[in-house]
């Protein structure tokens, strides 16, 4: 990535703010995901929403409508967990807002206040057909902050945002423990049981806070507490707690805490989740599985390329993620992460589904994105061939009826 890429990112971001338009996309093969593939298919988009999907012989394209063409057309891809837009490609202090190490418990930190829709990494992902990203604060503290769901277009956060407050991000295990020489200067939590105890204690505090405010005890409620208000939404089951846990014992701790407080839990990472499949299935907990190409050391030392297939075989919902890439260029491309799984137990159709509709279901946005169906957002990814084949290229991206990328990747 270079200065040219940065200029392209700005131009495309600005272009992405234009009004929704009518457009038609022809594909040698169109994959609606919600229905069988369509040979010589057409997707017609009107006012930013899908109006029709079907064979070219049955879908009439109105006169004057712009027509795009590609070998393969799929729904826009969904990155189910990232820090893009908070973490920037320059890797400088001023563009690294994904984690704040001054305190272990910070549920009040809002992703929407840090997200930069003009970050070149957002345009980079968009150019590969990724149209929706669940992003926010990174793993690395017991509670690191909030997450949000955005489209990868628009030049203000208001134009990009789909869900301003999606989840609260937490971490258990080695990822939450303060080590010697830690940049925060703190000494707690020093081990995994302390981290779990701190998370439990903060949830108890939030319970008490909710009880006082529900009872209307204005004289003794101590005023507003933004952190406890945010956790209150987890306790009311309005949003899930996203817990990054890789080791099997930390996954079990997360399951116990979710059961104790009757909260919705989404497991993030889950490098050893294949060791506790029965427990995850019984608890009804979905998994945003670790990136396939993550570095296999530390808590990820027992990760496996076959984990997505094992989760699917066990009937456990899952989605793919790019995760938190600490090195430049600061983000992975979730398309490539999913491609690895095709030689480790998943079929083309399964991998595509978990990059689209299954990810949308896990994030609770399946009414808008994830498949090519009339009424849904006109978000499409265009490829010159099999999108999971290394020699193929992304050739275009459409978001809500606007072509926001026409580069070849």
Foldseek 3Di string as FASTA:
>chain_A
DDPVLLVLLQVLQVLLVDFFAWAKEWECWECLLVDHIAGRKMFTFHRQFTADIHHPVPDDDDPPHHYHYAHYKFFQFEFLEAAPQQAAQVLDPVSNRQFDQQDQADALDWQLVRGFLSGSVLVVLVLLRHFKYWHGHAQQGQWGYFIFMFTSHHGHSVVTGDGRGAATEGEAFPSHADDPPRPNPDHPPHGRVRSLVVVLVLLVVLVVLVVCVVVVVVVPSPDDDSSSVSSVCQLVQVHAHEYEAADPVRVVSVLVSCVVSVGAYEYEAHQPVLVVLVVCVVSLHAYQHDQQPDDCDDSNVNGDLQVVQSNVVSVHQYAYHQHFDSDPSGTDHRLQSLLSSCVRHDPLSRSLQRRFQSSCVVSVNNQATRGRDGPHGPWMWHKNDSSSDPPIWTQWIATSNRTSDGDTD
